[in-house]
Amino acid sequence: MSTALEIHYPFTGRWLVQNSPANRVPSHGTELFATAHAIDFVPVDEQGRTASVRLRSLVRTEPPESFPGFGAPILAPVAGTVVSAHDSVPDHHAHRGLPSLSYALTQRRRLADGWAGLAGNHVIIRVSERGTFVALCHLQRGSVRVSVGEIVRTGQPVGACGNSGNSTEPHLHLQAQDAPDPAAAAAVPFTLQGSVPRNGQIVHVP
């Protein structure tokens, strides 16, 4: 599909952009599971930090609740129909510093679990009047507010930012694809509407 899908930002507040096509394509280093054009968004505090600076972060894992973005509302970036909603994966501890190295060693195990092992809690929405799907991943356990078959509107709350699946700290993984099953889909490029970049951050203006 050559035409980029236009969608809205799925959050409000301050977020950093990481692992995006602006850095490289495929943005996550692979075409697997339709992630070639995916973007990771990390919520930050007023000082632009994803978490407080703590020496213990260098040697210990941290509970996701210690991050300012954990639990931040996630909104539907498109109007459409929910085709997948998963909400039972626990939010694990975050891994920064040295713990991130040990976490990287378990990547192969999560990959073996397939899409579910990587995405964690997630919602996939079929875009109205178009055969395109948008996935929102790593949501907080127990936060998903929509169900399969439900029709959602743009900007409707669908869940909260979490740390489930293949995630080293609370963030949102956003991707578009041409089929409902990421294992059989191709990535679709997309553009984002409705926010203003400031100092390297995305500041959504509701």
N, C-alpha and C. Protein backbone atom coordinates (compact mmCIF):
# COMPACT_ATOMS: atom_id res chain seq x y z
N MET A 1 0.86 -1.18 0.00
CA MET A 1 0.00 0.00 0.00
C MET A 1 0.89 1.23 0.00
N SER A 2 0.78 2.06 -1.00
CA SER A 2 1.70 3.17 -1.17
C SER A 2 1.29 4.41 -0.39
N THR A 3 0.00 4.62 -0.18
CA THR A 3 -0.48 5.82 0.49
C THR A 3 -0.38 5.65 1.99
N ALA A 4 0.25 6.65 2.65
CA ALA A 4 0.38 6.58 4.10
C ALA A 4 -0.98 6.79 4.76
N LEU A 5 -1.21 6.07 5.81
CA LEU A 5 -2.43 6.20 6.58
C LEU A 5 -2.31 7.40 7.51
N GLU A 6 -3.31 8.25 7.53
CA GLU A 6 -3.33 9.41 8.43
C GLU A 6 -4.07 9.04 9.71
N ILE A 7 -3.39 9.17 10.83
CA ILE A 7 -4.01 8.86 12.12
C ILE A 7 -3.69 9.97 13.11
N HIS A 8 -4.39 9.97 14.23
CA HIS A 8 -4.17 10.96 15.27
C HIS A 8 -3.25 10.40 16.35
N TYR A 9 -2.62 11.29 17.09
CA TYR A 9 -1.79 10.82 18.21
C TYR A 9 -2.68 10.14 19.24
N PRO A 10 -2.23 9.01 19.76
CA PRO A 10 -3.06 8.23 20.69
C PRO A 10 -2.84 8.59 22.16
N PHE A 11 -2.53 9.83 22.44
CA PHE A 11 -2.26 10.25 23.82
C PHE A 11 -2.31 11.77 23.91
N THR A 12 -2.23 12.28 25.13
CA THR A 12 -2.02 13.70 25.37
C THR A 12 -0.78 13.83 26.26
N GLY A 13 -0.26 15.04 26.38
CA GLY A 13 0.91 15.25 27.22
C GLY A 13 2.21 15.16 26.46
N ARG A 14 3.30 14.97 27.20
CA ARG A 14 4.65 14.95 26.64
C ARG A 14 5.16 13.53 26.46
N TRP A 15 5.61 13.23 25.24
CA TRP A 15 6.13 11.89 24.93
C TRP A 15 7.36 12.03 24.05
N LEU A 16 8.34 11.17 24.26
CA LEU A 16 9.51 11.08 23.39
C LEU A 16 9.27 10.03 22.31
N VAL A 17 9.84 10.27 21.14
CA VAL A 17 9.73 9.32 20.04
C VAL A 17 11.02 8.50 19.97
N GLN A 18 10.88 7.18 19.95
CA GLN A 18 12.04 6.29 19.84
C GLN A 18 11.74 5.19 18.83
N ASN A 19 12.81 4.61 18.27
CA ASN A 19 12.66 3.48 17.34
C ASN A 19 11.64 3.77 16.26
N SER A 20 11.86 4.83 15.51
CA SER A 20 10.90 5.23 14.49
C SER A 20 11.52 5.19 13.11
N PRO A 21 10.68 5.23 12.05
CA PRO A 21 11.22 5.29 10.68
C PRO A 21 12.05 6.54 10.42
N ALA A 22 11.95 7.54 11.29
CA ALA A 22 12.81 8.73 11.14
C ALA A 22 14.27 8.37 11.40
N ASN A 23 14.48 7.29 12.18
CA ASN A 23 15.84 6.85 12.48
C ASN A 23 16.33 5.81 11.48
N ARG A 24 15.44 4.91 11.11
CA ARG A 24 15.81 3.87 10.16
C ARG A 24 14.55 3.14 9.74
N VAL A 25 14.59 2.52 8.58
CA VAL A 25 13.51 1.66 8.11
C VAL A 25 14.14 0.32 7.71
N PRO A 26 13.76 -0.82 8.31
CA PRO A 26 12.68 -0.96 9.29
C PRO A 26 13.02 -0.26 10.62
N SER A 27 12.03 0.37 11.23
CA SER A 27 12.30 1.17 12.42
C SER A 27 12.74 0.32 13.60
N HIS A 28 12.27 -0.92 13.68
CA HIS A 28 12.67 -1.82 14.76
C HIS A 28 13.69 -2.85 14.28
N GLY A 29 14.26 -2.59 13.10
CA GLY A 29 15.31 -3.45 12.60
C GLY A 29 14.83 -4.73 11.96
N THR A 30 13.53 -4.86 11.73
CA THR A 30 13.00 -6.08 11.15
C THR A 30 11.66 -5.81 10.48
N GLU A 31 11.32 -6.67 9.51
CA GLU A 31 10.00 -6.62 8.88
C GLU A 31 9.02 -7.54 9.61
N LEU A 32 9.53 -8.30 10.57
CA LEU A 32 8.73 -9.29 11.27
C LEU A 32 7.56 -8.66 12.00
N PHE A 33 6.40 -9.30 11.95
CA PHE A 33 5.18 -8.86 12.63
C PHE A 33 4.78 -7.44 12.23
N ALA A 34 5.06 -7.06 11.00
CA ALA A 34 4.61 -5.77 10.44
C ALA A 34 5.12 -4.57 11.22
N THR A 35 6.34 -4.66 11.75
CA THR A 35 6.89 -3.58 12.58
C THR A 35 7.78 -2.60 11.82
N ALA A 36 7.85 -2.73 10.50
CA ALA A 36 8.82 -1.93 9.74
C ALA A 36 8.62 -0.42 9.91
N HIS A 37 7.37 0.04 10.07
CA HIS A 37 7.10 1.46 10.20
C HIS A 37 6.59 1.83 11.59
N ALA A 38 6.81 0.95 12.55
CA ALA A 38 6.31 1.17 13.90
C ALA A 38 7.07 2.30 14.60
N ILE A 39 6.41 2.91 15.59
CA ILE A 39 7.02 3.95 16.41
C ILE A 39 6.80 3.60 17.88
N ASP A 40 7.83 3.79 18.69
CA ASP A 40 7.71 3.68 20.13
C ASP A 40 7.63 5.07 20.73
N PHE A 41 6.63 5.30 21.56
CA PHE A 41 6.46 6.57 22.26
C PHE A 41 6.67 6.33 23.75
N VAL A 42 7.52 7.16 24.37
CA VAL A 42 7.80 7.03 25.80
C VAL A 42 7.32 8.29 26.51
N PRO A 43 6.40 8.19 27.46
CA PRO A 43 5.92 9.36 28.17
C PRO A 43 7.00 9.93 29.10
N VAL A 44 7.01 11.24 29.23
CA VAL A 44 8.02 11.91 30.06
C VAL A 44 7.34 12.90 31.01
N ASP A 45 8.09 13.31 32.04
CA ASP A 45 7.57 14.31 32.98
C ASP A 45 7.85 15.72 32.47
N GLU A 46 7.57 16.73 33.28
CA GLU A 46 7.74 18.12 32.86
C GLU A 46 9.19 18.48 32.58
N GLN A 47 10.12 17.71 33.15
CA GLN A 47 11.54 17.93 32.89
C GLN A 47 12.05 17.15 31.68
N GLY A 48 11.13 16.46 31.01
CA GLY A 48 11.52 15.70 29.83
C GLY A 48 12.17 14.37 30.14
N ARG A 49 11.98 13.86 31.37
CA ARG A 49 12.61 12.60 31.76
C ARG A 49 11.58 11.47 31.77
N THR A 50 12.00 10.30 31.32
CA THR A 50 11.10 9.15 31.34
C THR A 50 10.97 8.59 32.75
N ALA A 51 11.93 8.89 33.60
CA ALA A 51 11.90 8.45 35.00
C ALA A 51 12.90 9.27 35.79
N SER A 52 12.75 9.27 37.09
CA SER A 52 13.70 9.97 37.94
C SER A 52 15.08 9.32 37.83
N VAL A 53 16.11 10.14 37.99
CA VAL A 53 17.48 9.64 37.94
C VAL A 53 17.81 9.01 39.29
N ARG A 54 18.06 7.70 39.28
CA ARG A 54 18.36 6.98 40.51
C ARG A 54 19.54 6.05 40.27
N LEU A 55 20.51 6.05 41.17
CA LEU A 55 21.69 5.20 41.01
C LEU A 55 21.31 3.73 41.02
N ARG A 56 20.27 3.38 41.77
CA ARG A 56 19.89 1.97 41.84
C ARG A 56 19.39 1.45 40.49
N SER A 57 18.99 2.38 39.60
CA SER A 57 18.53 1.96 38.28
C SER A 57 19.63 1.28 37.48
N LEU A 58 20.88 1.57 37.84
CA LEU A 58 22.01 1.00 37.11
C LEU A 58 22.19 -0.49 37.41
N VAL A 59 21.69 -0.92 38.58
CA VAL A 59 21.96 -2.30 38.99
C VAL A 59 20.70 -3.09 39.33
N ARG A 60 19.54 -2.42 39.42
CA ARG A 60 18.32 -3.11 39.81
C ARG A 60 17.19 -2.82 38.83
N THR A 61 16.28 -3.77 38.76
CA THR A 61 15.05 -3.50 38.03
C THR A 61 14.17 -2.60 38.88
N GLU A 62 13.17 -1.97 38.24
CA GLU A 62 12.31 -1.02 38.95
C GLU A 62 10.85 -1.31 38.66
N PRO A 63 9.98 -1.13 39.63
CA PRO A 63 8.55 -1.35 39.37
C PRO A 63 8.04 -0.34 38.37
N PRO A 64 7.14 -0.73 37.48
CA PRO A 64 6.65 0.20 36.45
C PRO A 64 5.95 1.41 37.05
N GLU A 65 5.40 1.26 38.27
CA GLU A 65 4.70 2.36 38.91
C GLU A 65 5.62 3.54 39.22
N SER A 66 6.93 3.33 39.20
CA SER A 66 7.86 4.42 39.51
C SER A 66 8.12 5.32 38.30
N PHE A 67 7.51 4.99 37.15
CA PHE A 67 7.70 5.78 35.94
C PHE A 67 6.49 6.70 35.75
N PRO A 68 6.74 7.96 35.36
CA PRO A 68 5.64 8.93 35.28
C PRO A 68 4.57 8.59 34.25
N GLY A 69 4.93 7.82 33.24
CA GLY A 69 3.96 7.53 32.19
C GLY A 69 3.14 6.29 32.41
N PHE A 70 3.49 5.50 33.44
CA PHE A 70 2.74 4.26 33.67
C PHE A 70 1.30 4.60 34.03
N GLY A 71 0.36 4.05 33.26
CA GLY A 71 -1.05 4.33 33.50
C GLY A 71 -1.59 5.51 32.73
N ALA A 72 -0.74 6.17 31.92
CA ALA A 72 -1.23 7.30 31.12
C ALA A 72 -2.28 6.82 30.13
N PRO A 73 -3.36 7.58 29.93
CA PRO A 73 -4.42 7.14 29.02
C PRO A 73 -3.93 7.00 27.58
N ILE A 74 -4.37 5.92 26.93
CA ILE A 74 -4.10 5.69 25.52
C ILE A 74 -5.43 5.81 24.78
N LEU A 75 -5.43 6.59 23.70
CA LEU A 75 -6.64 6.91 22.96
C LEU A 75 -6.63 6.24 21.58
N ALA A 76 -7.81 5.97 21.07
CA ALA A 76 -7.91 5.40 19.72
C ALA A 76 -7.43 6.45 18.71
N PRO A 77 -6.43 6.13 17.90
CA PRO A 77 -5.93 7.09 16.92
C PRO A 77 -6.74 7.13 15.64
N VAL A 78 -7.70 6.22 15.53
CA VAL A 78 -8.56 6.14 14.34
C VAL A 78 -9.96 5.74 14.78
N ALA A 79 -10.91 5.97 13.90
CA ALA A 79 -12.26 5.44 14.09
C ALA A 79 -12.34 4.09 13.39
N GLY A 80 -12.96 3.13 14.03
CA GLY A 80 -13.05 1.81 13.41
C GLY A 80 -13.62 0.78 14.35
N THR A 81 -13.31 -0.49 14.05
CA THR A 81 -13.85 -1.62 14.80
C THR A 81 -12.71 -2.40 15.45
N VAL A 82 -12.85 -2.70 16.70
CA VAL A 82 -11.84 -3.47 17.42
C VAL A 82 -11.86 -4.92 16.94
N VAL A 83 -10.71 -5.42 16.49
CA VAL A 83 -10.62 -6.80 16.02
C VAL A 83 -9.81 -7.67 16.96
N SER A 84 -9.08 -7.06 17.89
CA SER A 84 -8.32 -7.81 18.88
C SER A 84 -8.15 -6.95 20.12
N ALA A 85 -8.33 -7.56 21.29
CA ALA A 85 -8.15 -6.86 22.56
C ALA A 85 -7.64 -7.87 23.58
N HIS A 86 -6.46 -7.62 24.11
CA HIS A 86 -5.84 -8.56 25.06
C HIS A 86 -5.43 -7.79 26.30
N ASP A 87 -5.70 -8.36 27.49
CA ASP A 87 -5.61 -7.55 28.70
C ASP A 87 -5.09 -8.31 29.92
N SER A 88 -4.52 -9.49 29.76
CA SER A 88 -4.22 -10.34 30.91
C SER A 88 -2.73 -10.50 31.22
N VAL A 89 -1.85 -9.88 30.43
CA VAL A 89 -0.42 -10.05 30.64
C VAL A 89 0.07 -9.13 31.76
N PRO A 90 0.80 -9.65 32.75
CA PRO A 90 1.28 -8.79 33.85
C PRO A 90 2.27 -7.73 33.35
N ASP A 91 2.28 -6.60 34.02
CA ASP A 91 3.30 -5.59 33.77
C ASP A 91 4.54 -5.97 34.58
N HIS A 92 5.66 -6.16 33.88
CA HIS A 92 6.88 -6.56 34.58
C HIS A 92 7.70 -5.35 34.99
N HIS A 93 8.75 -5.59 35.77
CA HIS A 93 9.63 -4.52 36.19
C HIS A 93 10.36 -3.93 34.99
N ALA A 94 10.73 -2.68 35.10
CA ALA A 94 11.49 -2.01 34.05
C ALA A 94 12.97 -2.33 34.19
N HIS A 95 13.67 -2.30 33.07
CA HIS A 95 15.09 -2.66 33.03
C HIS A 95 15.88 -1.51 32.41
N ARG A 96 16.64 -0.81 33.25
CA ARG A 96 17.56 0.22 32.77
C ARG A 96 18.97 -0.15 33.23
N GLY A 97 19.96 0.48 32.67
CA GLY A 97 21.34 0.21 33.07
C GLY A 97 21.72 -1.24 32.82
N LEU A 98 22.43 -1.84 33.78
CA LEU A 98 22.89 -3.22 33.64
C LEU A 98 21.73 -4.22 33.50
N PRO A 99 20.61 -4.04 34.20
CA PRO A 99 19.50 -4.99 34.02
C PRO A 99 19.00 -5.07 32.58
N SER A 100 19.19 -4.02 31.80
CA SER A 100 18.74 -4.07 30.40
C SER A 100 19.54 -5.08 29.60
N LEU A 101 20.79 -5.32 30.00
CA LEU A 101 21.62 -6.30 29.29
C LEU A 101 21.10 -7.71 29.52
N SER A 102 20.75 -8.02 30.76
CA SER A 102 20.22 -9.36 31.04
C SER A 102 18.86 -9.54 30.39
N TYR A 103 18.08 -8.46 30.32
CA TYR A 103 16.76 -8.54 29.68
C TYR A 103 16.92 -8.84 28.19
N ALA A 104 17.94 -8.26 27.57
CA ALA A 104 18.17 -8.48 26.15
C ALA A 104 18.44 -9.96 25.85
N LEU A 105 19.01 -10.66 26.82
CA LEU A 105 19.32 -12.07 26.63
C LEU A 105 18.06 -12.93 26.57
N THR A 106 16.94 -12.41 27.06
CA THR A 106 15.68 -13.17 27.04
C THR A 106 14.83 -12.84 25.82
N GLN A 107 15.37 -12.04 24.91
CA GLN A 107 14.62 -11.62 23.73
C GLN A 107 14.19 -12.82 22.87
N ARG A 108 15.06 -13.78 22.73
CA ARG A 108 14.75 -14.94 21.89
C ARG A 108 13.55 -15.71 22.44
N ARG A 109 13.44 -15.78 23.77
CA ARG A 109 12.30 -16.50 24.36
C ARG A 109 10.99 -15.79 24.06
N ARG A 110 10.99 -14.45 24.17
CA ARG A 110 9.76 -13.72 23.86
C ARG A 110 9.41 -13.81 22.39
N LEU A 111 10.43 -13.82 21.54
CA LEU A 111 10.19 -13.96 20.11
C LEU A 111 9.57 -15.31 19.80
N ALA A 112 9.99 -16.34 20.52
CA ALA A 112 9.44 -17.68 20.31
C ALA A 112 7.96 -17.74 20.69
N ASP A 113 7.54 -16.85 21.56
CA ASP A 113 6.13 -16.79 21.96
C ASP A 113 5.27 -16.09 20.91
N GLY A 114 5.90 -15.55 19.86
CA GLY A 114 5.15 -14.92 18.78
C GLY A 114 4.67 -13.52 19.13
N TRP A 115 3.68 -13.06 18.37
CA TRP A 115 3.16 -11.71 18.53
C TRP A 115 2.72 -11.43 19.97
N ALA A 116 2.03 -12.39 20.58
CA ALA A 116 1.52 -12.18 21.93
C ALA A 116 2.64 -11.93 22.93
N GLY A 117 3.76 -12.65 22.76
CA GLY A 117 4.87 -12.47 23.67
C GLY A 117 5.56 -11.13 23.52
N LEU A 118 5.51 -10.57 22.32
CA LEU A 118 6.14 -9.28 22.07
C LEU A 118 5.22 -8.11 22.40
N ALA A 119 3.97 -8.20 21.99
CA ALA A 119 3.03 -7.08 22.14
C ALA A 119 2.51 -6.93 23.55
N GLY A 120 2.41 -8.02 24.29
CA GLY A 120 1.79 -7.93 25.59
C GLY A 120 0.32 -7.56 25.45
N ASN A 121 -0.19 -6.80 26.39
CA ASN A 121 -1.58 -6.35 26.29
C ASN A 121 -1.69 -5.37 25.14
N HIS A 122 -2.73 -5.54 24.31
CA HIS A 122 -2.81 -4.71 23.10
C HIS A 122 -4.25 -4.59 22.61
N VAL A 123 -4.43 -3.63 21.71
CA VAL A 123 -5.69 -3.43 21.01
C VAL A 123 -5.37 -3.24 19.54
N ILE A 124 -6.13 -3.90 18.65
CA ILE A 124 -5.99 -3.70 17.21
C ILE A 124 -7.33 -3.21 16.68
N ILE A 125 -7.29 -2.12 15.92
CA ILE A 125 -8.50 -1.50 15.38
C ILE A 125 -8.47 -1.54 13.86
N ARG A 126 -9.56 -2.01 13.26
CA ARG A 126 -9.71 -1.95 11.81
C ARG A 126 -10.24 -0.57 11.45
N VAL A 127 -9.50 0.12 10.59
CA VAL A 127 -9.87 1.47 10.21
C VAL A 127 -11.14 1.45 9.37
N SER A 128 -12.10 2.29 9.72
CA SER A 128 -13.35 2.34 8.98
C SER A 128 -13.12 2.63 7.51
N GLU A 129 -13.83 1.89 6.65
CA GLU A 129 -13.81 2.09 5.20
C GLU A 129 -12.43 1.91 4.58
N ARG A 130 -11.57 1.15 5.22
CA ARG A 130 -10.25 0.90 4.65
C ARG A 130 -9.70 -0.40 5.22
N GLY A 131 -9.06 -1.18 4.39
CA GLY A 131 -8.53 -2.46 4.85
C GLY A 131 -7.20 -2.32 5.54
N THR A 132 -7.15 -1.46 6.52
CA THR A 132 -5.93 -1.19 7.27
C THR A 132 -6.22 -1.34 8.76
N PHE A 133 -5.20 -1.73 9.51
CA PHE A 133 -5.37 -2.00 10.93
C PHE A 133 -4.30 -1.26 11.72
N VAL A 134 -4.66 -0.77 12.89
CA VAL A 134 -3.73 -0.05 13.75
C VAL A 134 -3.63 -0.80 15.08
N ALA A 135 -2.40 -1.07 15.52
CA ALA A 135 -2.16 -1.81 16.76
C ALA A 135 -1.51 -0.91 17.80
N LEU A 136 -2.01 -1.00 19.03
CA LEU A 136 -1.46 -0.28 20.18
C LEU A 136 -1.02 -1.32 21.20
N CYS A 137 0.27 -1.33 21.54
CA CYS A 137 0.84 -2.44 22.30
C CYS A 137 1.51 -2.02 23.61
N HIS A 138 1.77 -3.01 24.47
CA HIS A 138 2.42 -2.88 25.78
C HIS A 138 1.51 -2.17 26.78
N LEU A 139 0.20 -2.36 26.65
CA LEU A 139 -0.74 -1.67 27.53
C LEU A 139 -0.71 -2.25 28.95
N GLN A 140 -1.19 -1.45 29.88
CA GLN A 140 -1.23 -1.85 31.29
C GLN A 140 -2.27 -2.95 31.50
N ARG A 141 -1.89 -3.93 32.30
CA ARG A 141 -2.82 -5.02 32.59
C ARG A 141 -4.07 -4.48 33.28
N GLY A 142 -5.22 -4.95 32.80
CA GLY A 142 -6.48 -4.54 33.39
C GLY A 142 -6.98 -3.19 32.94
N SER A 143 -6.28 -2.55 31.98
CA SER A 143 -6.66 -1.19 31.58
C SER A 143 -7.50 -1.14 30.30
N VAL A 144 -7.50 -2.23 29.52
CA VAL A 144 -8.19 -2.21 28.22
C VAL A 144 -9.69 -2.01 28.43
N ARG A 145 -10.23 -1.00 27.75
CA ARG A 145 -11.63 -0.59 27.96
C ARG A 145 -12.53 -0.89 26.77
N VAL A 146 -12.03 -1.63 25.79
CA VAL A 146 -12.83 -1.96 24.63
C VAL A 146 -12.80 -3.47 24.42
N SER A 147 -13.71 -3.97 23.62
CA SER A 147 -13.79 -5.40 23.36
C SER A 147 -13.92 -5.66 21.87
N VAL A 148 -13.63 -6.88 21.47
CA VAL A 148 -13.69 -7.25 20.05
C VAL A 148 -15.11 -7.02 19.51
N GLY A 149 -15.17 -6.38 18.34
CA GLY A 149 -16.44 -6.07 17.72
C GLY A 149 -16.97 -4.69 18.04
N GLU A 150 -16.37 -4.05 19.04
CA GLU A 150 -16.84 -2.71 19.44
C GLU A 150 -16.40 -1.66 18.42
N ILE A 151 -17.27 -0.74 18.11
CA ILE A 151 -16.95 0.38 17.23
C ILE A 151 -16.45 1.54 18.09
N VAL A 152 -15.27 2.05 17.76
CA VAL A 152 -14.67 3.12 18.54
C VAL A 152 -14.53 4.37 17.69
N ARG A 153 -14.48 5.50 18.33
CA ARG A 153 -14.29 6.78 17.66
C ARG A 153 -12.88 7.27 17.92
N THR A 154 -12.38 8.14 17.08
CA THR A 154 -11.06 8.72 17.27
C THR A 154 -11.03 9.51 18.58
N GLY A 155 -10.01 9.27 19.38
CA GLY A 155 -9.87 9.95 20.66
C GLY A 155 -10.52 9.26 21.83
N GLN A 156 -11.20 8.15 21.57
CA GLN A 156 -11.85 7.41 22.65
C GLN A 156 -10.81 6.66 23.48
N PRO A 157 -10.85 6.71 24.82
CA PRO A 157 -9.91 5.94 25.64
C PRO A 157 -10.06 4.44 25.39
N VAL A 158 -8.93 3.77 25.14
CA VAL A 158 -8.97 2.32 24.91
C VAL A 158 -8.15 1.54 25.93
N GLY A 159 -7.27 2.21 26.66
CA GLY A 159 -6.43 1.53 27.63
C GLY A 159 -5.48 2.51 28.28
N ALA A 160 -4.39 1.97 28.85
CA ALA A 160 -3.41 2.81 29.52
C ALA A 160 -2.01 2.31 29.20
N CYS A 161 -1.06 3.22 29.24
CA CYS A 161 0.34 2.89 28.98
C CYS A 161 0.85 1.92 30.04
N GLY A 162 1.45 0.84 29.58
CA GLY A 162 1.94 -0.17 30.51
C GLY A 162 3.33 -0.64 30.17
N ASN A 163 3.70 -1.77 30.76
CA ASN A 163 5.02 -2.34 30.54
C ASN A 163 4.90 -3.85 30.37
N SER A 164 3.97 -4.27 29.52
CA SER A 164 3.76 -5.69 29.26
C SER A 164 4.42 -6.08 27.94
N GLY A 165 4.70 -7.35 27.79
CA GLY A 165 5.33 -7.81 26.56
C GLY A 165 6.80 -7.44 26.50
N ASN A 166 7.28 -7.20 25.29
CA ASN A 166 8.70 -6.92 25.06
C ASN A 166 8.97 -5.43 25.30
N SER A 167 9.14 -5.06 26.55
CA SER A 167 9.24 -3.65 26.92
C SER A 167 10.22 -3.48 28.07
N THR A 168 11.16 -2.56 27.94
CA THR A 168 12.13 -2.32 29.01
C THR A 168 11.69 -1.23 29.96
N GLU A 169 10.73 -0.39 29.55
CA GLU A 169 10.14 0.61 30.43
C GLU A 169 8.77 0.98 29.86
N PRO A 170 7.88 1.55 30.68
CA PRO A 170 6.55 1.86 30.18
C PRO A 170 6.58 2.74 28.93
N HIS A 171 5.93 2.26 27.87
CA HIS A 171 5.86 3.02 26.62
C HIS A 171 4.74 2.45 25.76
N LEU A 172 4.48 3.12 24.65
CA LEU A 172 3.46 2.66 23.71
C LEU A 172 4.12 2.33 22.37
N HIS A 173 3.85 1.14 21.88
CA HIS A 173 4.28 0.73 20.54
C HIS A 173 3.08 0.88 19.62
N LEU A 174 3.26 1.65 18.54
CA LEU A 174 2.17 1.95 17.60
C LEU A 174 2.58 1.50 16.21
N GLN A 175 1.72 0.74 15.54
CA GLN A 175 2.01 0.33 14.18
C GLN A 175 0.74 0.19 13.37
N ALA A 176 0.88 0.28 12.05
CA ALA A 176 -0.23 0.06 11.12
C ALA A 176 0.14 -1.10 10.21
N GLN A 177 -0.86 -1.88 9.79
CA GLN A 177 -0.61 -3.08 9.01
C GLN A 177 -1.78 -3.33 8.07
N ASP A 178 -1.58 -4.22 7.09
CA ASP A 178 -2.61 -4.44 6.08
C ASP A 178 -3.47 -5.67 6.31
N ALA A 179 -3.33 -6.30 7.48
CA ALA A 179 -4.13 -7.48 7.82
C ALA A 179 -4.29 -7.52 9.34
N PRO A 180 -5.32 -8.19 9.85
CA PRO A 180 -5.53 -8.19 11.30
C PRO A 180 -4.50 -8.97 12.09
N ASP A 181 -3.92 -10.01 11.48
CA ASP A 181 -2.92 -10.83 12.15
C ASP A 181 -1.52 -10.31 11.84
N PRO A 182 -0.80 -9.75 12.81
CA PRO A 182 0.53 -9.20 12.53
C PRO A 182 1.50 -10.23 11.95
N ALA A 183 1.30 -11.50 12.25
CA ALA A 183 2.20 -12.53 11.75
C ALA A 183 2.05 -12.73 10.25
N ALA A 184 0.90 -12.32 9.69
CA ALA A 184 0.65 -12.49 8.26
C ALA A 184 0.49 -11.15 7.55
N ALA A 185 0.77 -10.05 8.23
CA ALA A 185 0.55 -8.72 7.67
C ALA A 185 1.84 -8.06 7.22
N ALA A 186 1.69 -7.07 6.36
CA ALA A 186 2.80 -6.20 5.96
C ALA A 186 2.60 -4.84 6.63
N ALA A 187 3.71 -4.19 6.94
CA ALA A 187 3.64 -2.88 7.58
C ALA A 187 3.09 -1.83 6.64
N VAL A 188 2.34 -0.89 7.20
CA VAL A 188 1.78 0.23 6.45
C VAL A 188 2.36 1.53 7.02
N PRO A 189 2.94 2.40 6.19
CA PRO A 189 3.43 3.69 6.71
C PRO A 189 2.27 4.57 7.13
N PHE A 190 2.51 5.44 8.10
CA PHE A 190 1.45 6.32 8.56
C PHE A 190 2.02 7.68 8.96
N THR A 191 1.16 8.67 8.92
CA THR A 191 1.52 10.01 9.40
C THR A 191 0.61 10.35 10.57
N LEU A 192 1.10 11.21 11.46
CA LEU A 192 0.39 11.53 12.69
C LEU A 192 -0.09 12.97 12.66
N GLN A 193 -1.30 13.17 13.13
CA GLN A 193 -1.94 14.48 13.09
C GLN A 193 -2.26 14.96 14.50
N GLY A 194 -2.21 16.28 14.69
CA GLY A 194 -2.79 16.88 15.89
C GLY A 194 -1.86 17.22 17.02
N SER A 195 -0.52 17.15 16.82
CA SER A 195 0.40 17.47 17.89
C SER A 195 1.52 18.37 17.39
N VAL A 196 2.22 18.98 18.34
CA VAL A 196 3.27 19.94 18.00
C VAL A 196 4.60 19.46 18.58
N PRO A 197 5.66 19.28 17.73
CA PRO A 197 6.95 18.89 18.28
C PRO A 197 7.63 20.05 18.98
N ARG A 198 8.16 19.82 20.17
CA ARG A 198 8.88 20.84 20.93
C ARG A 198 10.13 20.23 21.55
N ASN A 199 11.28 20.78 21.22
CA ASN A 199 12.53 20.36 21.82
C ASN A 199 12.74 18.84 21.75
N GLY A 200 12.44 18.28 20.58
CA GLY A 200 12.66 16.85 20.40
C GLY A 200 11.58 15.97 20.99
N GLN A 201 10.54 16.58 21.57
CA GLN A 201 9.45 15.82 22.15
C GLN A 201 8.18 16.06 21.33
N ILE A 202 7.23 15.18 21.52
CA ILE A 202 5.91 15.37 20.94
C ILE A 202 5.01 15.85 22.06
N VAL A 203 4.45 17.03 21.90
CA VAL A 203 3.52 17.56 22.89
C VAL A 203 2.16 17.62 22.24
N HIS A 204 1.29 16.74 22.64
CA HIS A 204 -0.04 16.70 22.04
C HIS A 204 -0.89 17.83 22.59
N VAL A 205 -1.54 18.55 21.70
CA VAL A 205 -2.41 19.65 22.10
C VAL A 205 -3.85 19.21 21.90
N PRO A 206 -4.57 18.83 22.96
CA PRO A 206 -5.93 18.31 22.81
C PRO A 206 -6.90 19.43 22.43
